[in-house]
Amino acid sequence: MEDVNGKQMDAILKAIPWRCFHCDFITNDPEEARAHFGDVDDASEFTPICKWWSNMDEPERRSQFQSLIEELNGEREETGCMNMRIEDLEHQVEGQVAAMHSYKPFRECHSIYEIFCLYDSMEGRALAAQERERELVEAVNDAGFKVMLTDDGKTFLKLDVAQIGVPQG
């Protein structure tokens, strides 16, 4: 029930316009209200713009306005730098996506997570194959054969004829 009351209260507050009793400024827009009344609804810091702006003389207003313009320009410059950094990061991501799709097993992957899962599966299969190879080598050696590795990395079997009693000659 509290949630419904909270939603109802929000709807009521949105329907009621803000009105400044100093200058009779009226708005239903929260952003305009924030600009006029400030971000903080605190009695010690609550001074609407109309109140402190009207208490300034012309040079103070110009100075305040100039400092606000400088602050805005600084924010714009920072935003521009951030936008350039975002574009750079997007370009890096596009390069990484192209690189991951250049590897045939990953061409069907649409995310890093899918690549991780596929790679994890591939790694598991490789580990299982290594274990099967070890067991096979052990079984072949027990049967009297020797497993040899060639220079090109290929494996072949060699029969140890002395061990199985085949006459040499």
Protein backbone atom coordinates (compact mmCIF):
# COMPACT_ATOMS: atom_id res chain seq x y z
CA MET A 1 0.00 0.00 0.00
CA GLU A 2 2.93 2.29 0.69
CA ASP A 3 4.14 1.93 -2.91
CA VAL A 4 0.74 2.94 -4.28
CA ASN A 5 0.68 5.95 -1.99
CA GLY A 6 4.21 6.84 -3.11
CA LYS A 7 3.19 6.63 -6.78
CA GLN A 8 0.07 8.67 -6.09
CA MET A 9 2.14 11.28 -4.25
CA ASP A 10 4.59 11.49 -7.17
CA ALA A 11 1.67 11.98 -9.59
CA ILE A 12 0.22 14.73 -7.39
CA LEU A 13 3.57 16.48 -7.08
CA LYS A 14 4.08 16.32 -10.86
CA ALA A 15 0.62 17.80 -11.45
CA ILE A 16 1.18 20.74 -9.09
CA PRO A 17 3.30 23.49 -10.67
CA TRP A 18 6.24 25.11 -8.89
CA ARG A 19 5.63 28.73 -8.01
CA CYS A 20 8.17 31.20 -6.69
CA PHE A 21 6.58 33.57 -4.18
CA HIS A 22 9.47 36.03 -4.73
CA CYS A 23 8.97 36.65 -8.46
CA ASP A 24 5.80 34.63 -9.26
CA PHE A 25 7.74 32.29 -11.60
CA ILE A 26 5.55 29.23 -12.41
CA THR A 27 6.60 25.99 -14.10
CA ASN A 28 5.64 22.33 -14.37
CA ASP A 29 9.05 21.35 -15.77
CA PRO A 30 11.37 19.86 -13.13
CA GLU A 31 14.47 21.07 -15.00
CA GLU A 32 13.23 24.68 -15.10
CA ALA A 33 12.33 24.46 -11.43
CA ARG A 34 15.79 23.08 -10.60
CA ALA A 35 17.39 25.96 -12.53
CA HIS A 36 15.29 28.57 -10.71
CA PHE A 37 15.23 27.08 -7.20
CA GLY A 38 18.53 25.19 -7.20
CA ASP A 39 19.41 21.53 -6.71
CA VAL A 40 19.21 21.55 -2.92
CA ASP A 41 15.90 21.85 -1.11
CA ASP A 42 17.55 22.98 2.11
CA ALA A 43 16.57 26.05 4.09
CA SER A 44 20.18 27.12 4.63
CA GLU A 45 21.09 26.96 0.93
CA PHE A 46 17.67 27.50 -0.58
CA THR A 47 17.79 30.80 -2.40
CA PRO A 48 16.04 30.98 -5.76
CA ILE A 49 17.94 32.58 -8.62
CA CYS A 50 15.52 35.50 -8.75
CA LYS A 51 16.44 36.43 -5.18
CA TRP A 52 20.23 36.42 -5.42
CA TRP A 53 20.30 37.67 -9.04
CA SER A 54 18.21 40.72 -8.15
CA ASN A 55 20.53 41.52 -5.23
CA MET A 56 23.54 41.81 -7.57
CA ASP A 57 24.58 45.01 -9.23
CA GLU A 58 25.31 45.04 -12.98
CA PRO A 59 29.08 44.28 -12.73
CA GLU A 60 28.39 41.35 -10.39
CA ARG A 61 25.78 39.96 -12.79
CA ARG A 62 28.23 40.24 -15.71
CA SER A 63 30.93 38.54 -13.66
CA GLN A 64 28.56 35.78 -12.54
CA PHE A 65 27.28 35.32 -16.09
CA GLN A 66 30.84 35.23 -17.45
CA SER A 67 31.90 32.61 -14.90
CA LEU A 68 28.84 30.51 -15.80
CA ILE A 69 29.77 30.77 -19.50
CA GLU A 70 33.36 29.74 -18.69
CA GLU A 71 32.08 26.79 -16.66
CA LEU A 72 29.76 25.80 -19.51
CA ASN A 73 32.64 26.04 -22.03
CA GLY A 74 34.81 23.91 -19.76
CA GLU A 75 32.06 21.30 -19.55
CA ARG A 76 31.65 21.40 -23.34
CA GLU A 77 35.38 20.90 -23.80
CA GLU A 78 35.39 17.99 -21.37
CA THR A 79 32.35 16.53 -23.16
CA GLY A 80 34.20 16.85 -26.48
CA CYS A 81 37.23 15.03 -25.04
CA MET A 82 34.98 12.32 -23.63
CA ASN A 83 33.22 11.95 -26.99
CA MET A 84 36.59 11.54 -28.72
CA ARG A 85 37.60 8.92 -26.14
CA ILE A 86 34.28 7.09 -26.66
CA GLU A 87 34.84 7.09 -30.43
CA ASP A 88 38.36 5.73 -29.89
CA LEU A 89 37.03 2.96 -27.65
CA GLU A 90 34.29 2.14 -30.17
CA HIS A 91 36.96 1.89 -32.88
CA GLN A 92 39.02 -0.43 -30.66
CA VAL A 93 35.99 -2.63 -30.02
CA GLU A 94 35.23 -2.78 -33.75
CA GLY A 95 38.85 -3.85 -34.35
CA GLN A 96 38.59 -6.53 -31.69
CA VAL A 97 35.33 -7.82 -33.15
CA ALA A 98 36.98 -7.99 -36.59
CA ALA A 99 39.98 -9.79 -35.09
CA MET A 100 37.82 -12.32 -33.28
CA HIS A 101 35.82 -13.02 -36.43
CA SER A 102 39.04 -13.56 -38.38
CA TYR A 103 39.58 -16.78 -36.38
CA LYS A 104 37.37 -19.38 -38.03
CA PRO A 105 35.94 -21.04 -34.86
CA PHE A 106 34.82 -17.65 -33.52
CA ARG A 107 33.09 -16.35 -36.68
CA GLU A 108 29.63 -17.29 -35.43
CA CYS A 109 30.18 -15.72 -32.00
CA HIS A 110 28.37 -12.47 -31.26
CA SER A 111 29.90 -11.60 -27.89
CA ILE A 112 33.01 -12.01 -25.80
CA TYR A 113 30.99 -14.31 -23.54
CA GLU A 114 30.21 -16.64 -26.46
CA ILE A 115 33.90 -16.67 -27.39
CA PHE A 116 34.85 -17.46 -23.81
CA CYS A 117 32.36 -20.34 -23.70
CA LEU A 118 33.58 -21.71 -27.04
CA TYR A 119 37.23 -21.33 -26.04
CA ASP A 120 36.54 -23.00 -22.69
CA SER A 121 34.88 -25.88 -24.54
CA MET A 122 37.83 -26.12 -26.95
CA GLU A 123 40.27 -26.11 -24.04
CA GLY A 124 38.30 -28.86 -22.33
CA ARG A 125 38.34 -30.97 -25.48
CA ALA A 126 42.11 -30.42 -25.82
CA LEU A 127 42.70 -31.50 -22.22
CA ALA A 128 40.53 -34.58 -22.73
CA ALA A 129 42.44 -35.42 -25.93
CA GLN A 130 45.76 -35.10 -24.07
CA GLU A 131 44.50 -37.50 -21.41
CA ARG A 132 43.28 -39.97 -24.06
CA GLU A 133 46.65 -39.70 -25.80
CA ARG A 134 48.47 -40.46 -22.53
CA GLU A 135 46.27 -43.50 -21.93
CA LEU A 136 46.78 -44.68 -25.53
CA VAL A 137 50.57 -44.27 -25.32
CA GLU A 138 50.57 -46.23 -22.07
CA ALA A 139 48.46 -49.01 -23.61
CA VAL A 140 50.64 -49.15 -26.75
CA ASN A 141 53.81 -49.30 -24.65
CA ASP A 142 52.30 -52.09 -22.54
CA ALA A 143 51.61 -54.00 -25.78
CA GLY A 144 55.29 -53.96 -26.73
CA PHE A 145 55.32 -51.02 -29.09
CA LYS A 146 57.18 -47.78 -28.67
CA VAL A 147 55.56 -44.46 -29.48
CA MET A 148 57.98 -42.16 -31.25
CA LEU A 149 57.71 -38.51 -32.18
CA THR A 150 59.21 -37.37 -35.47
CA ASP A 151 60.89 -34.03 -36.11
CA ASP A 152 57.75 -32.68 -37.76
CA GLY A 153 55.71 -33.48 -34.64
CA LYS A 154 53.91 -36.52 -36.04
CA THR A 155 53.60 -39.58 -33.88
CA PHE A 156 54.29 -43.07 -35.16
CA LEU A 157 54.54 -46.48 -33.59
CA LYS A 158 57.68 -48.58 -33.59
CA LEU A 159 57.61 -52.24 -32.81
CA ASP A 160 60.22 -53.31 -30.28
CA VAL A 161 60.99 -56.70 -31.82
CA ALA A 162 63.41 -57.72 -29.08
CA GLN A 163 60.75 -57.34 -26.43
CA ILE A 164 58.18 -59.58 -28.17
CA GLY A 165 60.66 -62.32 -29.15
CA VAL A 166 60.75 -62.02 -32.92
CA PRO A 167 63.92 -63.55 -34.36
CA GLN A 168 66.18 -61.01 -35.96
CA GLY A 169 67.97 -61.91 -39.05
